[in-house]
Amino acid sequence: MTENTIFLPTPAPVGMRYRNLKTSFKLALKSLLEKCSKEDVYAILSSSSFSEVEKKAFHRFFVQVTRRLHETVHEEFEAICEKTQVGSILNTVEQLVDEQSLASLSRENTIFEDMEKKIVRVKKDEVSYLMNTIKEIEEKNNHMKTRIASLKSNQNSRTASATASLAMVLGDIVDPSKNDSQMTEI
């Protein structure tokens, strides 16, 4: 490297927006400059007294001028784009749009994460509520079982007591000596 070496900034890679701009310009220029066909040129020249050879020569000249005009306009367009750094600007715009899209996606992800946390919390609360309800029902069920067992025990006691009383009464009826002694007491 010499002392006089000039470092030019490397051009940014061509982005989609810049390619689209260049393609659109080329198509517009082409359709504009190629609008006039050979027949159109002959129709214009037919009103004058040109020979067939002169018409063909004029058409060739017209085509050369059109091509050169096309090249010149295209080169001028490229020079203006380079001078005004249209490519870099459009790349920056494209990058900003992408970043904005990513920021939007990030916000959407945050929203989904918040929703997920809320749903998980609601489901945990629901499971907790159901577990407490099951526990209460089991306690009531155990209480009912105890109560039923107590009632059965009381019923068995009463039945045994009633059976004993009935046996006593029946025993008195069967044993007449006890009946007479009870009758004399009355």
N, C-alpha and C. Protein backbone atom coordinates (compact mmCIF):
# COMPACT_ATOMS: atom_id res chain seq x y z
N MET A 1 0.84 -1.18 0.00
CA MET A 1 0.00 0.00 0.00
C MET A 1 0.89 1.24 0.00
N THR A 2 0.45 2.20 -0.76
CA THR A 2 1.20 3.45 -0.83
C THR A 2 0.55 4.50 0.03
N GLU A 3 1.25 5.61 0.16
CA GLU A 3 0.72 6.70 0.98
C GLU A 3 -0.49 7.35 0.34
N ASN A 4 -0.61 7.27 -0.94
CA ASN A 4 -1.70 7.94 -1.65
C ASN A 4 -2.94 7.06 -1.81
N THR A 5 -2.95 5.89 -1.19
CA THR A 5 -4.10 5.00 -1.31
C THR A 5 -5.31 5.62 -0.64
N ILE A 6 -6.39 5.62 -1.35
CA ILE A 6 -7.64 6.17 -0.83
C ILE A 6 -8.56 5.01 -0.50
N PHE A 7 -9.07 5.03 0.70
CA PHE A 7 -10.00 3.98 1.12
C PHE A 7 -11.42 4.47 0.90
N LEU A 8 -12.10 3.80 0.03
CA LEU A 8 -13.50 4.13 -0.21
C LEU A 8 -14.36 3.20 0.63
N PRO A 9 -15.47 3.72 1.13
CA PRO A 9 -16.34 2.84 1.91
C PRO A 9 -16.89 1.74 1.02
N THR A 10 -16.90 0.55 1.56
CA THR A 10 -17.46 -0.55 0.79
C THR A 10 -18.97 -0.37 0.70
N PRO A 11 -19.48 -0.52 -0.50
CA PRO A 11 -20.92 -0.34 -0.64
C PRO A 11 -21.66 -1.43 0.12
N ALA A 12 -22.74 -1.02 0.68
CA ALA A 12 -23.57 -1.98 1.42
C ALA A 12 -24.14 -2.99 0.44
N PRO A 13 -24.36 -4.21 0.89
CA PRO A 13 -24.96 -5.19 -0.01
C PRO A 13 -26.33 -4.67 -0.47
N VAL A 14 -26.61 -5.00 -1.72
CA VAL A 14 -27.85 -4.50 -2.32
C VAL A 14 -29.03 -5.20 -1.66
N GLY A 15 -29.94 -4.38 -1.14
CA GLY A 15 -31.13 -4.92 -0.49
C GLY A 15 -32.27 -5.10 -1.47
N MET A 16 -33.32 -5.69 -1.00
CA MET A 16 -34.48 -5.99 -1.83
C MET A 16 -35.14 -4.71 -2.34
N ARG A 17 -35.24 -3.70 -1.51
CA ARG A 17 -35.90 -2.45 -1.93
C ARG A 17 -35.11 -1.77 -3.05
N TYR A 18 -33.80 -1.77 -2.95
CA TYR A 18 -32.99 -1.14 -3.98
C TYR A 18 -33.08 -1.92 -5.29
N ARG A 19 -33.02 -3.24 -5.21
CA ARG A 19 -33.19 -4.07 -6.42
C ARG A 19 -34.53 -3.80 -7.07
N ASN A 20 -35.58 -3.70 -6.25
CA ASN A 20 -36.92 -3.42 -6.79
C ASN A 20 -36.97 -2.06 -7.47
N LEU A 21 -36.32 -1.06 -6.88
CA LEU A 21 -36.28 0.28 -7.47
C LEU A 21 -35.60 0.24 -8.83
N LYS A 22 -34.44 -0.42 -8.90
CA LYS A 22 -33.70 -0.50 -10.16
C LYS A 22 -34.49 -1.26 -11.22
N THR A 23 -35.10 -2.35 -10.83
CA THR A 23 -35.89 -3.13 -11.78
C THR A 23 -37.07 -2.32 -12.30
N SER A 24 -37.75 -1.64 -11.41
CA SER A 24 -38.90 -0.82 -11.82
C SER A 24 -38.45 0.29 -12.77
N PHE A 25 -37.32 0.93 -12.47
CA PHE A 25 -36.82 1.99 -13.33
C PHE A 25 -36.49 1.45 -14.72
N LYS A 26 -35.79 0.30 -14.77
CA LYS A 26 -35.43 -0.29 -16.07
C LYS A 26 -36.67 -0.62 -16.89
N LEU A 27 -37.67 -1.20 -16.25
CA LEU A 27 -38.89 -1.55 -16.97
C LEU A 27 -39.62 -0.31 -17.47
N ALA A 28 -39.68 0.72 -16.65
CA ALA A 28 -40.35 1.96 -17.06
C ALA A 28 -39.61 2.62 -18.21
N LEU A 29 -38.29 2.67 -18.12
CA LEU A 29 -37.48 3.27 -19.18
C LEU A 29 -37.61 2.49 -20.47
N LYS A 30 -37.55 1.19 -20.37
CA LYS A 30 -37.65 0.34 -21.57
C LYS A 30 -38.99 0.55 -22.26
N SER A 31 -40.06 0.51 -21.49
CA SER A 31 -41.38 0.67 -22.10
C SER A 31 -41.56 2.08 -22.67
N LEU A 32 -40.94 3.06 -22.07
CA LEU A 32 -41.05 4.44 -22.55
C LEU A 32 -40.27 4.63 -23.85
N LEU A 33 -39.04 4.13 -23.89
CA LEU A 33 -38.19 4.36 -25.06
C LEU A 33 -38.48 3.40 -26.21
N GLU A 34 -39.04 2.26 -25.93
CA GLU A 34 -39.32 1.30 -27.00
C GLU A 34 -40.77 1.35 -27.44
N LYS A 35 -41.45 2.38 -27.07
CA LYS A 35 -42.87 2.52 -27.41
C LYS A 35 -43.05 2.67 -28.92
N CYS A 36 -42.09 3.29 -29.59
CA CYS A 36 -42.20 3.58 -31.02
C CYS A 36 -41.65 2.40 -31.82
N SER A 37 -42.50 1.71 -32.57
CA SER A 37 -42.08 0.54 -33.34
C SER A 37 -41.61 0.97 -34.74
N LYS A 38 -41.11 0.00 -35.49
CA LYS A 38 -40.65 0.25 -36.86
C LYS A 38 -41.79 0.78 -37.71
N GLU A 39 -42.99 0.20 -37.52
CA GLU A 39 -44.16 0.64 -38.29
C GLU A 39 -44.51 2.09 -37.96
N ASP A 40 -44.36 2.45 -36.68
CA ASP A 40 -44.63 3.83 -36.28
C ASP A 40 -43.67 4.79 -36.98
N VAL A 41 -42.39 4.42 -37.04
CA VAL A 41 -41.40 5.26 -37.72
C VAL A 41 -41.75 5.39 -39.19
N TYR A 42 -42.09 4.28 -39.84
CA TYR A 42 -42.46 4.31 -41.26
C TYR A 42 -43.71 5.14 -41.48
N ALA A 43 -44.66 5.06 -40.56
CA ALA A 43 -45.89 5.84 -40.70
C ALA A 43 -45.59 7.33 -40.63
N ILE A 44 -44.67 7.71 -39.74
CA ILE A 44 -44.29 9.12 -39.62
C ILE A 44 -43.59 9.59 -40.90
N LEU A 45 -42.72 8.73 -41.41
CA LEU A 45 -41.94 9.11 -42.59
C LEU A 45 -42.72 8.99 -43.89
N SER A 46 -43.82 8.29 -43.89
CA SER A 46 -44.59 8.08 -45.13
C SER A 46 -45.16 9.38 -45.69
N SER A 47 -45.41 10.32 -44.83
CA SER A 47 -45.96 11.58 -45.31
C SER A 47 -44.91 12.41 -46.05
N SER A 48 -43.64 12.09 -45.82
CA SER A 48 -42.59 12.81 -46.54
C SER A 48 -42.07 11.96 -47.70
N SER A 49 -41.19 12.51 -48.45
CA SER A 49 -40.74 11.84 -49.68
C SER A 49 -39.43 11.09 -49.48
N PHE A 50 -39.37 10.24 -48.48
CA PHE A 50 -38.17 9.44 -48.24
C PHE A 50 -38.29 8.13 -49.00
N SER A 51 -37.15 7.66 -49.48
CA SER A 51 -37.14 6.36 -50.15
C SER A 51 -37.13 5.26 -49.10
N GLU A 52 -37.31 4.03 -49.58
CA GLU A 52 -37.33 2.87 -48.66
C GLU A 52 -35.98 2.74 -47.97
N VAL A 53 -34.91 2.94 -48.67
CA VAL A 53 -33.56 2.83 -48.11
C VAL A 53 -33.36 3.92 -47.05
N GLU A 54 -33.83 5.12 -47.32
CA GLU A 54 -33.71 6.20 -46.35
C GLU A 54 -34.54 5.92 -45.09
N LYS A 55 -35.73 5.33 -45.30
CA LYS A 55 -36.59 4.98 -44.15
C LYS A 55 -35.89 3.95 -43.27
N LYS A 56 -35.29 2.91 -43.91
CA LYS A 56 -34.58 1.88 -43.14
C LYS A 56 -33.39 2.50 -42.41
N ALA A 57 -32.66 3.36 -43.08
CA ALA A 57 -31.51 4.01 -42.46
C ALA A 57 -31.98 4.89 -41.29
N PHE A 58 -33.06 5.60 -41.50
CA PHE A 58 -33.60 6.43 -40.43
C PHE A 58 -34.04 5.56 -39.24
N HIS A 59 -34.65 4.41 -39.53
CA HIS A 59 -35.08 3.51 -38.45
C HIS A 59 -33.87 2.98 -37.68
N ARG A 60 -32.79 2.60 -38.42
CA ARG A 60 -31.57 2.12 -37.73
C ARG A 60 -30.99 3.23 -36.85
N PHE A 61 -30.98 4.43 -37.39
CA PHE A 61 -30.50 5.57 -36.63
C PHE A 61 -31.38 5.80 -35.39
N PHE A 62 -32.68 5.68 -35.58
CA PHE A 62 -33.63 5.85 -34.46
C PHE A 62 -33.36 4.80 -33.38
N VAL A 63 -33.13 3.56 -33.79
CA VAL A 63 -32.85 2.48 -32.84
C VAL A 63 -31.54 2.76 -32.10
N GLN A 64 -30.50 3.21 -32.82
CA GLN A 64 -29.22 3.53 -32.17
C GLN A 64 -29.38 4.67 -31.17
N VAL A 65 -30.11 5.70 -31.56
CA VAL A 65 -30.34 6.83 -30.66
C VAL A 65 -31.12 6.37 -29.43
N THR A 66 -32.13 5.53 -29.65
CA THR A 66 -32.94 5.03 -28.54
C THR A 66 -32.09 4.20 -27.58
N ARG A 67 -31.24 3.32 -28.14
CA ARG A 67 -30.36 2.51 -27.29
C ARG A 67 -29.39 3.39 -26.51
N ARG A 68 -28.79 4.35 -27.20
CA ARG A 68 -27.84 5.23 -26.52
C ARG A 68 -28.55 6.07 -25.46
N LEU A 69 -29.74 6.53 -25.77
CA LEU A 69 -30.51 7.30 -24.80
C LEU A 69 -30.83 6.43 -23.58
N HIS A 70 -31.20 5.19 -23.86
CA HIS A 70 -31.50 4.23 -22.79
C HIS A 70 -30.27 4.04 -21.90
N GLU A 71 -29.10 3.81 -22.53
CA GLU A 71 -27.87 3.62 -21.76
C GLU A 71 -27.52 4.87 -20.96
N THR A 72 -27.67 6.03 -21.59
CA THR A 72 -27.33 7.28 -20.92
C THR A 72 -28.24 7.53 -19.72
N VAL A 73 -29.52 7.35 -19.92
CA VAL A 73 -30.47 7.56 -18.82
C VAL A 73 -30.19 6.55 -17.70
N HIS A 74 -29.91 5.32 -18.08
CA HIS A 74 -29.62 4.29 -17.08
C HIS A 74 -28.34 4.63 -16.31
N GLU A 75 -27.29 5.04 -17.03
CA GLU A 75 -26.04 5.42 -16.36
C GLU A 75 -26.26 6.62 -15.45
N GLU A 76 -27.04 7.58 -15.92
CA GLU A 76 -27.33 8.77 -15.11
C GLU A 76 -28.10 8.37 -13.84
N PHE A 77 -29.05 7.47 -14.00
CA PHE A 77 -29.82 6.97 -12.85
C PHE A 77 -28.89 6.31 -11.84
N GLU A 78 -27.98 5.45 -12.33
CA GLU A 78 -27.02 4.77 -11.45
C GLU A 78 -26.13 5.79 -10.74
N ALA A 79 -25.67 6.80 -11.47
CA ALA A 79 -24.80 7.82 -10.87
C ALA A 79 -25.54 8.60 -9.79
N ILE A 80 -26.78 8.97 -10.06
CA ILE A 80 -27.56 9.70 -9.06
C ILE A 80 -27.80 8.83 -7.83
N CYS A 81 -28.12 7.57 -8.05
CA CYS A 81 -28.35 6.65 -6.92
C CYS A 81 -27.08 6.50 -6.08
N GLU A 82 -25.93 6.40 -6.77
CA GLU A 82 -24.67 6.26 -6.03
C GLU A 82 -24.32 7.54 -5.29
N LYS A 83 -24.50 8.68 -5.97
CA LYS A 83 -24.16 9.97 -5.36
C LYS A 83 -25.04 10.25 -4.14
N THR A 84 -26.30 9.96 -4.24
CA THR A 84 -27.23 10.23 -3.13
C THR A 84 -27.33 9.06 -2.16
N GLN A 85 -26.57 8.01 -2.42
CA GLN A 85 -26.53 6.82 -1.56
C GLN A 85 -27.92 6.21 -1.35
N VAL A 86 -28.65 6.12 -2.44
CA VAL A 86 -30.00 5.55 -2.38
C VAL A 86 -29.96 4.12 -1.87
N GLY A 87 -28.95 3.35 -2.33
CA GLY A 87 -28.85 1.96 -1.89
C GLY A 87 -28.69 1.85 -0.39
N SER A 88 -27.79 2.66 0.17
CA SER A 88 -27.57 2.64 1.63
C SER A 88 -28.82 3.08 2.38
N ILE A 89 -29.46 4.12 1.85
CA ILE A 89 -30.67 4.63 2.51
C ILE A 89 -31.77 3.57 2.49
N LEU A 90 -31.97 2.95 1.33
CA LEU A 90 -33.01 1.92 1.24
C LEU A 90 -32.65 0.71 2.10
N ASN A 91 -31.36 0.38 2.18
CA ASN A 91 -30.94 -0.72 3.07
C ASN A 91 -31.24 -0.37 4.53
N THR A 92 -30.99 0.90 4.90
CA THR A 92 -31.29 1.34 6.27
C THR A 92 -32.78 1.26 6.53
N VAL A 93 -33.56 1.71 5.55
CA VAL A 93 -35.03 1.63 5.68
C VAL A 93 -35.45 0.18 5.85
N GLU A 94 -34.88 -0.69 5.02
CA GLU A 94 -35.21 -2.12 5.10
C GLU A 94 -34.84 -2.69 6.47
N GLN A 95 -33.67 -2.29 6.96
CA GLN A 95 -33.23 -2.77 8.28
C GLN A 95 -34.17 -2.27 9.38
N LEU A 96 -34.56 -0.98 9.30
CA LEU A 96 -35.47 -0.43 10.31
C LEU A 96 -36.82 -1.13 10.27
N VAL A 97 -37.30 -1.40 9.07
CA VAL A 97 -38.58 -2.11 8.95
C VAL A 97 -38.46 -3.51 9.55
N ASP A 98 -37.33 -4.18 9.26
CA ASP A 98 -37.12 -5.52 9.83
C ASP A 98 -37.05 -5.46 11.35
N GLU A 99 -36.32 -4.46 11.88
CA GLU A 99 -36.22 -4.32 13.33
C GLU A 99 -37.58 -4.03 13.96
N GLN A 100 -38.35 -3.20 13.27
CA GLN A 100 -39.69 -2.90 13.79
C GLN A 100 -40.55 -4.16 13.78
N SER A 101 -40.41 -4.95 12.72
CA SER A 101 -41.16 -6.21 12.67
C SER A 101 -40.72 -7.13 13.80
N LEU A 102 -39.40 -7.18 14.04
CA LEU A 102 -38.90 -8.03 15.12
C LEU A 102 -39.37 -7.52 16.47
N ALA A 103 -39.39 -6.18 16.63
CA ALA A 103 -39.87 -5.61 17.89
C ALA A 103 -41.34 -5.95 18.08
N SER A 104 -42.09 -5.89 16.99
CA SER A 104 -43.51 -6.24 17.06
C SER A 104 -43.67 -7.71 17.44
N LEU A 105 -42.84 -8.57 16.82
CA LEU A 105 -42.88 -9.99 17.16
C LEU A 105 -42.49 -10.21 18.61
N SER A 106 -41.50 -9.44 19.08
CA SER A 106 -41.07 -9.56 20.47
C SER A 106 -42.21 -9.19 21.41
N ARG A 107 -42.93 -8.09 21.07
CA ARG A 107 -44.07 -7.70 21.89
C ARG A 107 -45.14 -8.78 21.87
N GLU A 108 -45.39 -9.36 20.68
CA GLU A 108 -46.38 -10.43 20.60
C GLU A 108 -45.95 -11.62 21.44
N ASN A 109 -44.65 -11.95 21.39
CA ASN A 109 -44.15 -13.06 22.22
C ASN A 109 -44.34 -12.75 23.69
N THR A 110 -44.08 -11.50 24.08
CA THR A 110 -44.27 -11.10 25.48
C THR A 110 -45.73 -11.25 25.86
N ILE A 111 -46.62 -10.84 24.97
CA ILE A 111 -48.06 -10.96 25.24
C ILE A 111 -48.42 -12.43 25.40
N PHE A 112 -47.90 -13.29 24.50
CA PHE A 112 -48.20 -14.72 24.60
C PHE A 112 -47.62 -15.32 25.88
N GLU A 113 -46.42 -14.87 26.26
CA GLU A 113 -45.82 -15.37 27.50
C GLU A 113 -46.65 -14.94 28.70
N ASP A 114 -47.12 -13.69 28.69
CA ASP A 114 -47.99 -13.22 29.78
C ASP A 114 -49.27 -14.03 29.84
N MET A 115 -49.85 -14.28 28.66
CA MET A 115 -51.08 -15.08 28.62
C MET A 115 -50.81 -16.48 29.13
N GLU A 116 -49.68 -17.05 28.74
CA GLU A 116 -49.33 -18.40 29.19
C GLU A 116 -49.20 -18.43 30.71
N LYS A 117 -48.53 -17.42 31.29
CA LYS A 117 -48.38 -17.36 32.74
C LYS A 117 -49.74 -17.25 33.43
N LYS A 118 -50.62 -16.42 32.87
CA LYS A 118 -51.95 -16.26 33.46
C LYS A 118 -52.73 -17.57 33.39
N ILE A 119 -52.65 -18.24 32.25
CA ILE A 119 -53.37 -19.51 32.09
C ILE A 119 -52.83 -20.54 33.07
N VAL A 120 -51.51 -20.61 33.21
CA VAL A 120 -50.90 -21.56 34.15
C VAL A 120 -51.35 -21.25 35.57
N ARG A 121 -51.36 -19.95 35.93
CA ARG A 121 -51.80 -19.56 37.28
C ARG A 121 -53.26 -19.94 37.50
N VAL A 122 -54.12 -19.66 36.50
CA VAL A 122 -55.54 -20.00 36.63
C VAL A 122 -55.71 -21.51 36.78
N LYS A 123 -54.97 -22.28 35.99
CA LYS A 123 -55.07 -23.74 36.07
C LYS A 123 -54.58 -24.25 37.42
N LYS A 124 -53.50 -23.66 37.94
CA LYS A 124 -53.01 -24.07 39.27
C LYS A 124 -54.04 -23.75 40.34
N ASP A 125 -54.65 -22.56 40.24
CA ASP A 125 -55.69 -22.18 41.20
C ASP A 125 -56.87 -23.15 41.10
N GLU A 126 -57.21 -23.52 39.88
CA GLU A 126 -58.33 -24.44 39.66
C GLU A 126 -58.01 -25.81 40.27
N VAL A 127 -56.79 -26.30 40.05
CA VAL A 127 -56.38 -27.59 40.62
C VAL A 127 -56.41 -27.51 42.15
N SER A 128 -55.91 -26.42 42.70
CA SER A 128 -55.91 -26.23 44.16
C SER A 128 -57.34 -26.23 44.69
N TYR A 129 -58.23 -25.52 44.02
CA TYR A 129 -59.64 -25.48 44.43
C TYR A 129 -60.24 -26.88 44.40
N LEU A 130 -59.98 -27.62 43.32
CA LEU A 130 -60.52 -28.98 43.20
C LEU A 130 -59.94 -29.90 44.28
N MET A 131 -58.64 -29.75 44.58
CA MET A 131 -58.04 -30.58 45.63
C MET A 131 -58.67 -30.28 46.99
N ASN A 132 -58.91 -28.99 47.28
CA ASN A 132 -59.56 -28.61 48.54
C ASN A 132 -60.99 -29.15 48.59
N THR A 133 -61.69 -29.08 47.47
CA THR A 133 -63.06 -29.60 47.41
C THR A 133 -63.06 -31.10 47.66
N ILE A 134 -62.12 -31.82 47.04
CA ILE A 134 -62.03 -33.27 47.25
C ILE A 134 -61.73 -33.57 48.72
N LYS A 135 -60.83 -32.80 49.33
CA LYS A 135 -60.49 -32.99 50.74
C LYS A 135 -61.71 -32.79 51.63
N GLU A 136 -62.48 -31.71 51.36
CA GLU A 136 -63.70 -31.45 52.14
C GLU A 136 -64.70 -32.58 51.97
N ILE A 137 -64.87 -33.06 50.74
CA ILE A 137 -65.82 -34.15 50.49
C ILE A 137 -65.37 -35.41 51.20
N GLU A 138 -64.06 -35.70 51.18
CA GLU A 138 -63.55 -36.89 51.89
C GLU A 138 -63.79 -36.76 53.39
N GLU A 139 -63.58 -35.57 53.94
CA GLU A 139 -63.83 -35.35 55.38
C GLU A 139 -65.31 -35.56 55.69
N LYS A 140 -66.18 -35.01 54.86
CA LYS A 140 -67.62 -35.20 55.07
C LYS A 140 -67.99 -36.67 54.93
N ASN A 141 -67.38 -37.35 53.97
CA ASN A 141 -67.64 -38.77 53.76
C ASN A 141 -67.21 -39.57 55.00
N ASN A 142 -66.02 -39.27 55.52
CA ASN A 142 -65.55 -39.96 56.73
C ASN A 142 -66.47 -39.67 57.92
N HIS A 143 -66.91 -38.42 58.05
CA HIS A 143 -67.84 -38.05 59.12
C HIS A 143 -69.14 -38.83 58.98
N MET A 144 -69.64 -38.93 57.74
CA MET A 144 -70.88 -39.68 57.50
C MET A 144 -70.69 -41.16 57.84
N LYS A 145 -69.54 -41.73 57.47
CA LYS A 145 -69.28 -43.13 57.79
C LYS A 145 -69.27 -43.34 59.31
N THR A 146 -68.61 -42.41 60.01
CA THR A 146 -68.58 -42.49 61.48
C THR A 146 -69.99 -42.40 62.04
N ARG A 147 -70.77 -41.49 61.55
CA ARG A 147 -72.16 -41.29 62.01
C ARG A 147 -72.99 -42.54 61.73
N ILE A 148 -72.83 -43.10 60.52
CA ILE A 148 -73.58 -44.33 60.18
C ILE A 148 -73.17 -45.46 61.10
N ALA A 149 -71.88 -45.60 61.35
CA ALA A 149 -71.40 -46.65 62.26
C ALA A 149 -71.96 -46.44 63.66
N SER A 150 -72.00 -45.17 64.09
CA SER A 150 -72.55 -44.85 65.41
C SER A 150 -74.03 -45.20 65.46
N LEU A 151 -74.76 -44.83 64.41
CA LEU A 151 -76.20 -45.14 64.38
C LEU A 151 -76.43 -46.64 64.37
N LYS A 152 -75.62 -47.36 63.61
CA LYS A 152 -75.76 -48.82 63.58
C LYS A 152 -75.46 -49.39 64.96
N SER A 153 -74.46 -48.87 65.62
CA SER A 153 -74.09 -49.34 66.95
C SER A 153 -75.22 -49.06 67.94
N ASN A 154 -75.78 -47.83 67.87
CA ASN A 154 -76.91 -47.48 68.73
C ASN A 154 -78.11 -48.36 68.42
N GLN A 155 -78.34 -48.61 67.15
CA GLN A 155 -79.48 -49.44 66.77
C GLN A 155 -79.27 -50.86 67.29
N ASN A 156 -78.05 -51.35 67.17
CA ASN A 156 -77.76 -52.69 67.69
C ASN A 156 -77.93 -52.72 69.20
N SER A 157 -77.51 -51.65 69.88
CA SER A 157 -77.67 -51.59 71.34
C SER A 157 -79.15 -51.57 71.68
N ARG A 158 -79.91 -50.74 70.97
CA ARG A 158 -81.34 -50.66 71.24
C ARG A 158 -82.02 -51.99 70.93
N THR A 159 -81.60 -52.60 69.83
CA THR A 159 -82.18 -53.89 69.48
C THR A 159 -81.87 -54.91 70.57
N ALA A 160 -80.63 -54.90 71.03
CA ALA A 160 -80.25 -55.83 72.09
C ALA A 160 -81.02 -55.53 73.36
N SER A 161 -81.17 -54.26 73.68
CA SER A 161 -81.91 -53.85 74.87
C SER A 161 -83.38 -54.22 74.73
N ALA A 162 -83.94 -53.96 73.52
CA ALA A 162 -85.34 -54.31 73.29
C ALA A 162 -85.51 -55.82 73.33
N THR A 163 -84.56 -56.53 72.78
CA THR A 163 -84.64 -57.98 72.81
C THR A 163 -84.56 -58.48 74.25
N ALA A 164 -83.71 -57.89 75.03
CA ALA A 164 -83.59 -58.29 76.44
C ALA A 164 -84.87 -57.97 77.18
N SER A 165 -85.43 -56.78 76.91
CA SER A 165 -86.69 -56.41 77.57
C SER A 165 -87.79 -57.35 77.13
N LEU A 166 -87.84 -57.63 75.88
CA LEU A 166 -88.86 -58.53 75.36
C LEU A 166 -88.67 -59.93 75.96
N ALA A 167 -87.44 -60.33 76.08
CA ALA A 167 -87.16 -61.63 76.67
C ALA A 167 -87.60 -61.67 78.12
N MET A 168 -87.40 -60.56 78.80
CA MET A 168 -87.85 -60.50 80.19
C MET A 168 -89.36 -60.59 80.26
N VAL A 169 -90.00 -59.84 79.40
CA VAL A 169 -91.46 -59.85 79.41
C VAL A 169 -91.95 -61.23 79.02
N LEU A 170 -91.38 -61.77 78.02
CA LEU A 170 -91.79 -63.09 77.59
C LEU A 170 -91.46 -64.13 78.67
N GLY A 171 -90.35 -63.92 79.31
CA GLY A 171 -89.98 -64.83 80.39
C GLY A 171 -90.99 -64.78 81.51
N ASP A 172 -91.51 -63.63 81.80
CA ASP A 172 -92.51 -63.48 82.85
C ASP A 172 -93.80 -64.16 82.43
N ILE A 173 -94.14 -64.03 81.19
CA ILE A 173 -95.38 -64.65 80.72
C ILE A 173 -95.23 -66.16 80.78
N VAL A 174 -94.12 -66.65 80.45
CA VAL A 174 -93.91 -68.08 80.42
C VAL A 174 -93.83 -68.63 81.85
N ASP A 175 -93.27 -67.92 82.78
CA ASP A 175 -93.15 -68.39 84.16
C ASP A 175 -94.34 -67.85 84.96
N PRO A 176 -95.38 -68.67 85.20
CA PRO A 176 -96.58 -68.19 85.88
C PRO A 176 -96.33 -67.85 87.34
N SER A 177 -95.33 -68.41 87.95
CA SER A 177 -95.12 -68.09 89.36
C SER A 177 -94.72 -66.64 89.52
N LYS A 178 -93.99 -66.15 88.57
CA LYS A 178 -93.63 -64.74 88.64
C LYS A 178 -94.86 -63.90 88.39
N ASN A 179 -95.73 -64.35 87.54
CA ASN A 179 -96.93 -63.58 87.23
C ASN A 179 -97.82 -63.48 88.47
N ASP A 180 -97.96 -64.56 89.22
CA ASP A 180 -98.82 -64.54 90.40
C ASP A 180 -98.24 -63.63 91.46
N SER A 181 -96.94 -63.69 91.61
CA SER A 181 -96.36 -62.83 92.63
C SER A 181 -96.50 -61.38 92.24
N GLN A 182 -96.42 -61.12 90.92
CA GLN A 182 -96.59 -59.74 90.49
C GLN A 182 -98.05 -59.35 90.65
N MET A 183 -98.96 -60.28 90.48
CA MET A 183 -100.38 -59.97 90.59
C MET A 183 -100.74 -59.70 92.04
N THR A 184 -100.17 -60.40 92.93
CA THR A 184 -100.49 -60.17 94.33
C THR A 184 -99.96 -58.84 94.79
N GLU A 185 -98.93 -58.42 94.19
CA GLU A 185 -98.40 -57.11 94.55
C GLU A 185 -99.34 -56.03 94.07
N ILE A 186 -100.03 -56.21 93.06
CA ILE A 186 -100.94 -55.20 92.53
C ILE A 186 -102.14 -55.21 93.38
